[in-house]
Amino acid sequence: MQRILGGSRARPGRPRGGPPRFARLSANDSSTADLLFGCPVVTAHGERIGTVDHLMVDILTHQLRYVVLARKKNEALVSIPWHALYFDAAQGRLVFYTLY
């Protein structure tokens, strides 16, 4: 189910009720989301940090912006910018890398 997010909350400097900014894509919404759903996400050192729960797409540009991770039960969802990940095809996982 695709869900639109980001248009109802007031933020400083932005008019209230503006157009939504992100759409949530789940596994049933697109083949790309279906391929990535449940994919493990690890650090550059190989430590597991979660699995892909859903994707966030920018409505204005139609570009993938965030990957939202499902973590252990009763933990908060974590979103990681798409540009901070790369797909390790040999291991079948997404790798979160940083400069530090």
PDB file of N, CA and C in Angstrom:
ATOM      1  N   MET A   1       0.829  -1.171   0.000  1.00  0.00           N
ATOM      2  CA  MET A   1       0.000   0.000   0.000  1.00  0.00           C
ATOM      3  C   MET A   1       0.880   1.244   0.000  1.00  0.00           C
ATOM      4  N   GLN A   2       0.659   2.099  -0.953  1.00  0.00           N
ATOM      5  CA  GLN A   2       1.419   3.345  -1.022  1.00  0.00           C
ATOM      6  C   GLN A   2       0.753   4.366  -0.126  1.00  0.00           C
ATOM      7  N   ARG A   3       1.557   5.030   0.696  1.00  0.00           N
ATOM      8  CA  ARG A   3       1.031   6.015   1.622  1.00  0.00           C
ATOM      9  C   ARG A   3       1.805   7.300   1.456  1.00  0.00           C
ATOM     10  N   ILE A   4       1.113   8.438   1.390  1.00  0.00           N
ATOM     11  CA  ILE A   4       1.736   9.740   1.230  1.00  0.00           C
ATOM     12  C   ILE A   4       2.043  10.304   2.616  1.00  0.00           C
ATOM     13  N   LEU A   5       3.275  10.806   2.779  1.00  0.00           N
ATOM     14  CA  LEU A   5       3.698  11.342   4.068  1.00  0.00           C
ATOM     15  C   LEU A   5       4.274  12.735   3.905  1.00  0.00           C
ATOM     16  N   GLY A   6       4.139  13.545   4.946  1.00  0.00           N
ATOM     17  CA  GLY A   6       4.862  14.803   5.003  1.00  0.00           C
ATOM     18  C   GLY A   6       4.082  16.055   4.687  1.00  0.00           C
ATOM     19  N   GLY A   7       2.772  16.005   4.476  1.00  0.00           N
ATOM     20  CA  GLY A   7       2.067  17.209   4.102  1.00  0.00           C
ATOM     21  C   GLY A   7       1.211  17.833   5.173  1.00  0.00           C
ATOM     22  N   SER A   8       0.998  17.146   6.291  1.00  0.00           N
ATOM     23  CA  SER A   8       0.035  17.654   7.263  1.00  0.00           C
ATOM     24  C   SER A   8       0.669  18.313   8.471  1.00  0.00           C
ATOM     25  N   ARG A   9       1.936  18.096   8.720  1.00  0.00           N
ATOM     26  CA  ARG A   9       2.565  18.678   9.901  1.00  0.00           C
ATOM     27  C   ARG A   9       3.116  20.069   9.608  1.00  0.00           C
ATOM     28  N   ALA A  10       2.920  20.966  10.551  1.00  0.00           N
ATOM     29  CA  ALA A  10       3.449  22.321  10.387  1.00  0.00           C
ATOM     30  C   ALA A  10       4.917  22.334  10.795  1.00  0.00           C
ATOM     31  N   ARG A  11       5.735  22.979  10.005  1.00  0.00           N
ATOM     32  CA  ARG A  11       7.147  23.133  10.307  1.00  0.00           C
ATOM     33  C   ARG A  11       7.484  24.610  10.254  1.00  0.00           C
ATOM     34  N   PRO A  12       8.439  25.030  11.065  1.00  0.00           N
ATOM     35  CA  PRO A  12       8.821  26.441  11.022  1.00  0.00           C
ATOM     36  C   PRO A  12       9.257  26.856   9.622  1.00  0.00           C
ATOM     37  N   GLY A  13       8.715  27.971   9.151  1.00  0.00           N
ATOM     38  CA  GLY A  13       9.104  28.484   7.849  1.00  0.00           C
ATOM     39  C   GLY A  13       8.362  27.869   6.673  1.00  0.00           C
ATOM     40  N   ARG A  14       7.493  26.897   6.933  1.00  0.00           N
ATOM     41  CA  ARG A  14       6.726  26.274   5.857  1.00  0.00           C
ATOM     42  C   ARG A  14       5.242  26.463   6.135  1.00  0.00           C
ATOM     43  N   PRO A  15       4.474  26.740   5.106  1.00  0.00           N
ATOM     44  CA  PRO A  15       3.036  26.900   5.326  1.00  0.00           C
ATOM     45  C   PRO A  15       2.398  25.576   5.728  1.00  0.00           C
ATOM     46  N   ARG A  16       1.417  25.663   6.589  1.00  0.00           N
ATOM     47  CA  ARG A  16       0.719  24.468   7.049  1.00  0.00           C
ATOM     48  C   ARG A  16      -0.141  23.897   5.932  1.00  0.00           C
ATOM     49  N   GLY A  17      -0.188  22.582   5.854  1.00  0.00           N
ATOM     50  CA  GLY A  17      -1.040  21.935   4.873  1.00  0.00           C
ATOM     51  C   GLY A  17      -0.480  21.964   3.462  1.00  0.00           C
ATOM     52  N   GLY A  18       0.828  22.119   3.321  1.00  0.00           N
ATOM     53  CA  GLY A  18       1.451  22.113   2.004  1.00  0.00           C
ATOM     54  C   GLY A  18       1.363  20.744   1.363  1.00  0.00           C
ATOM     55  N   PRO A  19       1.829  20.643   0.145  1.00  0.00           N
ATOM     56  CA  PRO A  19       1.744  19.364  -0.553  1.00  0.00           C
ATOM     57  C   PRO A  19       2.642  18.316   0.114  1.00  0.00           C
ATOM     58  N   PRO A  20       2.234  17.054   0.075  1.00  0.00           N
ATOM     59  CA  PRO A  20       3.048  16.002   0.663  1.00  0.00           C
ATOM     60  C   PRO A  20       4.378  15.875  -0.064  1.00  0.00           C
ATOM     61  N   ARG A  21       5.409  15.424   0.639  1.00  0.00           N
ATOM     62  CA  ARG A  21       6.742  15.341   0.060  1.00  0.00           C
ATOM     63  C   ARG A  21       7.178  13.914  -0.246  1.00  0.00           C
ATOM     64  N   PHE A  22       6.770  12.946   0.585  1.00  0.00           N
ATOM     65  CA  PHE A  22       7.236  11.580   0.409  1.00  0.00           C
ATOM     66  C   PHE A  22       6.078  10.600   0.290  1.00  0.00           C
ATOM     67  N   ALA A  23       6.329   9.534  -0.469  1.00  0.00           N
ATOM     68  CA  ALA A  23       5.391   8.417  -0.557  1.00  0.00           C
ATOM     69  C   ALA A  23       6.095   7.189  -0.017  1.00  0.00           C
ATOM     70  N   ARG A  24       5.381   6.396   0.742  1.00  0.00           N
ATOM     71  CA  ARG A  24       5.926   5.166   1.297  1.00  0.00           C
ATOM     72  C   ARG A  24       5.611   4.025   0.340  1.00  0.00           C
ATOM     73  N   LEU A  25       6.644   3.286  -0.040  1.00  0.00           N
ATOM     74  CA  LEU A  25       6.455   2.120  -0.902  1.00  0.00           C
ATOM     75  C   LEU A  25       6.740   0.859  -0.108  1.00  0.00           C
ATOM     76  N   SER A  26       5.767  -0.030  -0.080  1.00  0.00           N
ATOM     77  CA  SER A  26       5.942  -1.320   0.570  1.00  0.00           C
ATOM     78  C   SER A  26       6.174  -2.381  -0.496  1.00  0.00           C
ATOM     79  N   ALA A  27       6.394  -3.608  -0.073  1.00  0.00           N
ATOM     80  CA  ALA A  27       6.737  -4.692  -0.996  1.00  0.00           C
ATOM     81  C   ALA A  27       5.682  -4.903  -2.077  1.00  0.00           C
ATOM     82  N   ASN A  28       4.408  -4.668  -1.774  1.00  0.00           N
ATOM     83  CA  ASN A  28       3.338  -4.897  -2.751  1.00  0.00           C
ATOM     84  C   ASN A  28       3.206  -3.780  -3.775  1.00  0.00           C
ATOM     85  N   ASP A  29       3.886  -2.645  -3.558  1.00  0.00           N
ATOM     86  CA  ASP A  29       3.693  -1.473  -4.405  1.00  0.00           C
ATOM     87  C   ASP A  29       4.531  -1.465  -5.678  1.00  0.00           C
ATOM     88  N   SER A  30       5.716  -2.019  -5.654  1.00  0.00           N
ATOM     89  CA  SER A  30       6.573  -1.984  -6.836  1.00  0.00           C
ATOM     90  C   SER A  30       7.532  -3.156  -6.812  1.00  0.00           C
ATOM     91  N   SER A  31       8.055  -3.488  -7.984  1.00  0.00           N
ATOM     92  CA  SER A  31       8.997  -4.599  -8.061  1.00  0.00           C
ATOM     93  C   SER A  31      10.297  -4.277  -7.342  1.00  0.00           C
ATOM     94  N   THR A  32      10.720  -3.002  -7.350  1.00  0.00           N
ATOM     95  CA  THR A  32      11.943  -2.615  -6.661  1.00  0.00           C
ATOM     96  C   THR A  32      11.772  -2.767  -5.152  1.00  0.00           C
ATOM     97  N   ALA A  33      10.659  -2.289  -4.635  1.00  0.00           N
ATOM     98  CA  ALA A  33      10.397  -2.435  -3.201  1.00  0.00           C
ATOM     99  C   ALA A  33      10.294  -3.909  -2.835  1.00  0.00           C
ATOM    100  N   ASP A  34       9.698  -4.700  -3.710  1.00  0.00           N
ATOM    101  CA  ASP A  34       9.566  -6.132  -3.451  1.00  0.00           C
ATOM    102  C   ASP A  34      10.931  -6.814  -3.414  1.00  0.00           C
ATOM    103  N   LEU A  35      11.835  -6.406  -4.302  1.00  0.00           N
ATOM    104  CA  LEU A  35      13.179  -6.991  -4.328  1.00  0.00           C
ATOM    105  C   LEU A  35      13.978  -6.632  -3.076  1.00  0.00           C
ATOM    106  N   LEU A  36      13.804  -5.409  -2.569  1.00  0.00           N
ATOM    107  CA  LEU A  36      14.582  -4.964  -1.423  1.00  0.00           C
ATOM    108  C   LEU A  36      13.948  -5.307  -0.075  1.00  0.00           C
ATOM    109  N   PHE A  37      12.648  -5.616  -0.050  1.00  0.00           N
ATOM    110  CA  PHE A  37      11.973  -5.899   1.209  1.00  0.00           C
ATOM    111  C   PHE A  37      12.632  -7.093   1.901  1.00  0.00           C
ATOM    112  N   GLY A  38      12.999  -6.896   3.159  1.00  0.00           N
ATOM    113  CA  GLY A  38      13.620  -7.959   3.934  1.00  0.00           C
ATOM    114  C   GLY A  38      15.110  -8.117   3.705  1.00  0.00           C
ATOM    115  N   CYS A  39      15.670  -7.305   2.803  1.00  0.00           N
ATOM    116  CA  CYS A  39      17.107  -7.376   2.505  1.00  0.00           C
ATOM    117  C   CYS A  39      17.892  -6.934   3.745  1.00  0.00           C
ATOM    118  N   PRO A  40      18.909  -7.697   4.152  1.00  0.00           N
ATOM    119  CA  PRO A  40      19.696  -7.277   5.302  1.00  0.00           C
ATOM    120  C   PRO A  40      20.496  -6.011   5.013  1.00  0.00           C
ATOM    121  N   VAL A  41      20.663  -5.182   6.032  1.00  0.00           N
ATOM    122  CA  VAL A  41      21.478  -3.973   5.941  1.00  0.00           C
ATOM    123  C   VAL A  41      22.568  -4.094   7.001  1.00  0.00           C
ATOM    124  N   VAL A  42      23.806  -3.907   6.562  1.00  0.00           N
ATOM    125  CA  VAL A  42      24.951  -4.053   7.462  1.00  0.00           C
ATOM    126  C   VAL A  42      25.821  -2.807   7.399  1.00  0.00           C
ATOM    127  N   THR A  43      26.693  -2.662   8.395  1.00  0.00           N
ATOM    128  CA  THR A  43      27.672  -1.579   8.381  1.00  0.00           C
ATOM    129  C   THR A  43      28.814  -1.979   7.452  1.00  0.00           C
ATOM    130  N   ALA A  44      29.733  -1.061   7.215  1.00  0.00           N
ATOM    131  CA  ALA A  44      30.896  -1.362   6.377  1.00  0.00           C
ATOM    132  C   ALA A  44      31.759  -2.463   6.991  1.00  0.00           C
ATOM    133  N   HIS A  45      31.626  -2.684   8.292  1.00  0.00           N
ATOM    134  CA  HIS A  45      32.382  -3.725   8.988  1.00  0.00           C
ATOM    135  C   HIS A  45      31.635  -5.054   9.035  1.00  0.00           C
ATOM    136  N   GLY A  46      30.433  -5.097   8.444  1.00  0.00           N
ATOM    137  CA  GLY A  46      29.665  -6.332   8.385  1.00  0.00           C
ATOM    138  C   GLY A  46      28.707  -6.569   9.532  1.00  0.00           C
ATOM    139  N   GLU A  47      28.550  -5.596  10.440  1.00  0.00           N
ATOM    140  CA  GLU A  47      27.622  -5.742  11.565  1.00  0.00           C
ATOM    141  C   GLU A  47      26.198  -5.473  11.088  1.00  0.00           C
ATOM    142  N   ARG A  48      25.303  -6.382  11.364  1.00  0.00           N
ATOM    143  CA  ARG A  48      23.911  -6.247  10.933  1.00  0.00           C
ATOM    144  C   ARG A  48      23.214  -5.146  11.735  1.00  0.00           C
ATOM    145  N   ILE A  49      22.520  -4.242  11.022  1.00  0.00           N
ATOM    146  CA  ILE A  49      21.789  -3.172  11.706  1.00  0.00           C
ATOM    147  C   ILE A  49      20.285  -3.249  11.478  1.00  0.00           C
ATOM    148  N   GLY A  50      19.829  -4.131  10.608  1.00  0.00           N
ATOM    149  CA  GLY A  50      18.398  -4.297  10.386  1.00  0.00           C
ATOM    150  C   GLY A  50      18.110  -4.868   9.016  1.00  0.00           C
ATOM    151  N   THR A  51      16.823  -4.875   8.668  1.00  0.00           N
ATOM    152  CA  THR A  51      16.383  -5.310   7.345  1.00  0.00           C
ATOM    153  C   THR A  51      15.472  -4.238   6.756  1.00  0.00           C
ATOM    154  N   VAL A  52      15.360  -4.208   5.446  1.00  0.00           N
ATOM    155  CA  VAL A  52      14.542  -3.203   4.765  1.00  0.00           C
ATOM    156  C   VAL A  52      13.064  -3.467   5.053  1.00  0.00           C
ATOM    157  N   ASP A  53      12.380  -2.454   5.586  1.00  0.00           N
ATOM    158  CA  ASP A  53      10.953  -2.543   5.855  1.00  0.00           C
ATOM    159  C   ASP A  53      10.150  -1.892   4.729  1.00  0.00           C
ATOM    160  N   HIS A  54      10.544  -0.688   4.331  1.00  0.00           N
ATOM    161  CA  HIS A  54       9.902  -0.018   3.208  1.00  0.00           C
ATOM    162  C   HIS A  54      10.813   1.084   2.680  1.00  0.00           C
ATOM    163  N   LEU A  55      10.414   1.682   1.568  1.00  0.00           N
ATOM    164  CA  LEU A  55      11.193   2.723   0.901  1.00  0.00           C
ATOM    165  C   LEU A  55      10.409   4.029   0.926  1.00  0.00           C
ATOM    166  N   MET A  56      11.131   5.150   0.940  1.00  0.00           N
ATOM    167  CA  MET A  56      10.500   6.463   0.879  1.00  0.00           C
ATOM    168  C   MET A  56      10.936   7.147  -0.415  1.00  0.00           C
ATOM    169  N   VAL A  57       9.962   7.536  -1.226  1.00  0.00           N
ATOM    170  CA  VAL A  57      10.211   8.149  -2.525  1.00  0.00           C
ATOM    171  C   VAL A  57       9.773   9.604  -2.481  1.00  0.00           C
ATOM    172  N   ASP A  58      10.611  10.491  -3.024  1.00  0.00           N
ATOM    173  CA  ASP A  58      10.295  11.915  -3.128  1.00  0.00           C
ATOM    174  C   ASP A  58       9.224  12.078  -4.204  1.00  0.00           C
ATOM    175  N   ILE A  59       8.086  12.626  -3.837  1.00  0.00           N
ATOM    176  CA  ILE A  59       6.976  12.779  -4.782  1.00  0.00           C
ATOM    177  C   ILE A  59       7.309  13.763  -5.895  1.00  0.00           C
ATOM    178  N   LEU A  60       8.054  14.806  -5.581  1.00  0.00           N
ATOM    179  CA  LEU A  60       8.349  15.836  -6.571  1.00  0.00           C
ATOM    180  C   LEU A  60       9.307  15.347  -7.657  1.00  0.00           C
ATOM    181  N   THR A  61      10.319  14.595  -7.262  1.00  0.00           N
ATOM    182  CA  THR A  61      11.338  14.161  -8.227  1.00  0.00           C
ATOM    183  C   THR A  61      11.209  12.696  -8.626  1.00  0.00           C
ATOM    184  N   HIS A  62      10.351  11.944  -7.929  1.00  0.00           N
ATOM    185  CA  HIS A  62      10.160  10.505  -8.171  1.00  0.00           C
ATOM    186  C   HIS A  62      11.442   9.708  -7.964  1.00  0.00           C
ATOM    187  N   GLN A  63      12.277  10.180  -7.047  1.00  0.00           N
ATOM    188  CA  GLN A  63      13.527   9.490  -6.755  1.00  0.00           C
ATOM    189  C   GLN A  63      13.462   8.844  -5.375  1.00  0.00           C
ATOM    190  N   LEU A  64      14.121   7.698  -5.270  1.00  0.00           N
ATOM    191  CA  LEU A  64      14.237   7.017  -3.995  1.00  0.00           C
ATOM    192  C   LEU A  64      15.114   7.856  -3.075  1.00  0.00           C
ATOM    193  N   ARG A  65      14.628   8.176  -1.882  1.00  0.00           N
ATOM    194  CA  ARG A  65      15.377   9.025  -0.959  1.00  0.00           C
ATOM    195  C   ARG A  65      15.839   8.300   0.297  1.00  0.00           C
ATOM    196  N   TYR A  66      14.978   7.456   0.882  1.00  0.00           N
ATOM    197  CA  TYR A  66      15.318   6.796   2.148  1.00  0.00           C
ATOM    198  C   TYR A  66      14.933   5.324   2.115  1.00  0.00           C
ATOM    199  N   VAL A  67      15.687   4.542   2.857  1.00  0.00           N
ATOM    200  CA  VAL A  67      15.363   3.150   3.125  1.00  0.00           C
ATOM    201  C   VAL A  67      15.051   3.086   4.617  1.00  0.00           C
ATOM    202  N   VAL A  68      13.883   2.571   4.954  1.00  0.00           N
ATOM    203  CA  VAL A  68      13.476   2.483   6.354  1.00  0.00           C
ATOM    204  C   VAL A  68      13.702   1.048   6.813  1.00  0.00           C
ATOM    205  N   LEU A  69      14.423   0.919   7.919  1.00  0.00           N
ATOM    206  CA  LEU A  69      14.804  -0.392   8.427  1.00  0.00           C
ATOM    207  C   LEU A  69      13.868  -0.862   9.521  1.00  0.00           C
ATOM    208  N   ALA A  70      13.588  -2.156   9.495  1.00  0.00           N
ATOM    209  CA  ALA A  70      12.925  -2.811  10.613  1.00  0.00           C
ATOM    210  C   ALA A  70      14.036  -3.370  11.483  1.00  0.00           C
ATOM    211  N   ARG A  71      13.955  -3.084  12.746  1.00  0.00           N
ATOM    212  CA  ARG A  71      14.974  -3.575  13.669  1.00  0.00           C
ATOM    213  C   ARG A  71      14.336  -4.588  14.600  1.00  0.00           C
ATOM    214  N   LYS A  72      14.913  -4.813  15.727  1.00  0.00           N
ATOM    215  CA  LYS A  72      14.356  -5.765  16.680  1.00  0.00           C
ATOM    216  C   LYS A  72      12.981  -5.298  17.149  1.00  0.00           C
ATOM    217  N   LYS A  73      12.207  -6.247  17.652  1.00  0.00           N
ATOM    218  CA  LYS A  73      10.861  -5.940  18.137  1.00  0.00           C
ATOM    219  C   LYS A  73      10.917  -4.838  19.194  1.00  0.00           C
ATOM    220  N   ASN A  74       9.958  -3.932  19.139  1.00  0.00           N
ATOM    221  CA  ASN A  74       9.815  -2.810  20.082  1.00  0.00           C
ATOM    222  C   ASN A  74      10.922  -1.772  19.972  1.00  0.00           C
ATOM    223  N   GLU A  75      11.670  -1.736  18.877  1.00  0.00           N
ATOM    224  CA  GLU A  75      12.655  -0.675  18.652  1.00  0.00           C
ATOM    225  C   GLU A  75      12.106   0.261  17.585  1.00  0.00           C
ATOM    226  N   ALA A  76      12.560   1.487  17.614  1.00  0.00           N
ATOM    227  CA  ALA A  76      12.101   2.491  16.653  1.00  0.00           C
ATOM    228  C   ALA A  76      12.577   2.158  15.245  1.00  0.00           C
ATOM    229  N   LEU A  77      11.803   2.590  14.254  1.00  0.00           N
ATOM    230  CA  LEU A  77      12.231   2.455  12.871  1.00  0.00           C
ATOM    231  C   LEU A  77      13.376   3.427  12.613  1.00  0.00           C
ATOM    232  N   VAL A  78      14.273   3.044  11.741  1.00  0.00           N
ATOM    233  CA  VAL A  78      15.423   3.871  11.403  1.00  0.00           C
ATOM    234  C   VAL A  78      15.411   4.102   9.907  1.00  0.00           C
ATOM    235  N   SER A  79      15.590   5.358   9.477  1.00  0.00           N
ATOM    236  CA  SER A  79      15.678   5.633   8.043  1.00  0.00           C
ATOM    237  C   SER A  79      17.107   6.039   7.699  1.00  0.00           C
ATOM    238  N   ILE A  80      17.573   5.528   6.568  1.00  0.00           N
ATOM    239  CA  ILE A  80      18.926   5.809   6.093  1.00  0.00           C
ATOM    240  C   ILE A  80      18.805   6.402   4.696  1.00  0.00           C
ATOM    241  N   PRO A  81      19.500   7.500   4.420  1.00  0.00           N
ATOM    242  CA  PRO A  81      19.461   8.063   3.066  1.00  0.00           C
ATOM    243  C   PRO A  81      19.961   7.043   2.041  1.00  0.00           C
ATOM    244  N   TRP A  82      19.271   6.964   0.915  1.00  0.00           N
ATOM    245  CA  TRP A  82      19.605   5.995  -0.117  1.00  0.00           C
ATOM    246  C   TRP A  82      21.046   6.158  -0.599  1.00  0.00           C
ATOM    247  N   HIS A  83      21.521   7.394  -0.714  1.00  0.00           N
ATOM    248  CA  HIS A  83      22.872   7.632  -1.232  1.00  0.00           C
ATOM    249  C   HIS A  83      23.967   7.154  -0.274  1.00  0.00           C
ATOM    250  N   ALA A  84      23.610   6.794   0.962  1.00  0.00           N
ATOM    251  CA  ALA A  84      24.591   6.293   1.923  1.00  0.00           C
ATOM    252  C   ALA A  84      24.659   4.768   1.932  1.00  0.00           C
ATOM    253  N   LEU A  85      23.999   4.128   0.971  1.00  0.00           N
ATOM    254  CA  LEU A  85      23.973   2.674   0.880  1.00  0.00           C
ATOM    255  C   LEU A  85      24.489   2.213  -0.475  1.00  0.00           C
ATOM    256  N   TYR A  86      25.063   1.040  -0.496  1.00  0.00           N
ATOM    257  CA  TYR A  86      25.333   0.395  -1.777  1.00  0.00           C
ATOM    258  C   TYR A  86      24.961  -1.070  -1.667  1.00  0.00           C
ATOM    259  N   PHE A  87      24.618  -1.652  -2.806  1.00  0.00           N
ATOM    260  CA  PHE A  87      24.176  -3.040  -2.826  1.00  0.00           C
ATOM    261  C   PHE A  87      25.361  -3.952  -3.079  1.00  0.00           C
ATOM    262  N   ASP A  88      25.612  -4.852  -2.161  1.00  0.00           N
ATOM    263  CA  ASP A  88      26.665  -5.854  -2.281  1.00  0.00           C
ATOM    264  C   ASP A  88      26.027  -7.085  -2.909  1.00  0.00           C
ATOM    265  N   ALA A  89      26.135  -7.199  -4.231  1.00  0.00           N
ATOM    266  CA  ALA A  89      25.473  -8.283  -4.955  1.00  0.00           C
ATOM    267  C   ALA A  89      26.032  -9.652  -4.586  1.00  0.00           C
ATOM    268  N   ALA A  90      27.314  -9.731  -4.293  1.00  0.00           N
ATOM    269  CA  ALA A  90      27.922 -11.017  -3.946  1.00  0.00           C
ATOM    270  C   ALA A  90      27.329 -11.583  -2.650  1.00  0.00           C
ATOM    271  N   GLN A  91      26.994 -10.715  -1.705  1.00  0.00           N
ATOM    272  CA  GLN A  91      26.439 -11.147  -0.426  1.00  0.00           C
ATOM    273  C   GLN A  91      24.915 -10.972  -0.345  1.00  0.00           C
ATOM    274  N   GLY A  92      24.317 -10.280  -1.324  1.00  0.00           N
ATOM    275  CA  GLY A  92      22.875 -10.052  -1.321  1.00  0.00           C
ATOM    276  C   GLY A  92      22.418  -9.179  -0.171  1.00  0.00           C
ATOM    277  N   ARG A  93      23.095  -8.056   0.043  1.00  0.00           N
ATOM    278  CA  ARG A  93      22.770  -7.171   1.153  1.00  0.00           C
ATOM    279  C   ARG A  93      23.082  -5.724   0.801  1.00  0.00           C
ATOM    280  N   LEU A  94      22.498  -4.803   1.564  1.00  0.00           N
ATOM    281  CA  LEU A  94      22.820  -3.388   1.451  1.00  0.00           C
ATOM    282  C   LEU A  94      23.860  -3.056   2.511  1.00  0.00           C
ATOM    283  N   VAL A  95      24.833  -2.241   2.130  1.00  0.00           N
ATOM    284  CA  VAL A  95      25.897  -1.856   3.049  1.00  0.00           C
ATOM    285  C   VAL A  95      25.794  -0.358   3.298  1.00  0.00           C
ATOM    286  N   PHE A  96      25.725   0.013   4.579  1.00  0.00           N
ATOM    287  CA  PHE A  96      25.688   1.416   5.001  1.00  0.00           C
ATOM    288  C   PHE A  96      27.116   1.848   5.262  1.00  0.00           C
ATOM    289  N   TYR A  97      27.547   2.818   4.503  1.00  0.00           N
ATOM    290  CA  TYR A  97      28.929   3.274   4.662  1.00  0.00           C
ATOM    291  C   TYR A  97      28.960   4.750   5.049  1.00  0.00           C
ATOM    292  N   THR A  98      29.968   5.110   5.809  1.00  0.00           N
ATOM    293  CA  THR A  98      30.189   6.490   6.205  1.00  0.00           C
ATOM    294  C   THR A  98      31.644   6.825   5.954  1.00  0.00           C
ATOM    295  N   LEU A  99      31.973   8.083   6.054  1.00  0.00           N
ATOM    296  CA  LEU A  99      33.350   8.502   5.843  1.00  0.00           C
ATOM    297  C   LEU A  99      34.196   8.351   7.096  1.00  0.00           C
ATOM    298  N   TYR A 100      33.566   8.100   8.221  1.00  0.00           N
ATOM    299  CA  TYR A 100      34.295   8.029   9.484  1.00  0.00           C
ATOM    300  C   TYR A 100      34.454   6.608   9.942  1.00  0.00           C
TER     301      TYR A 100
END
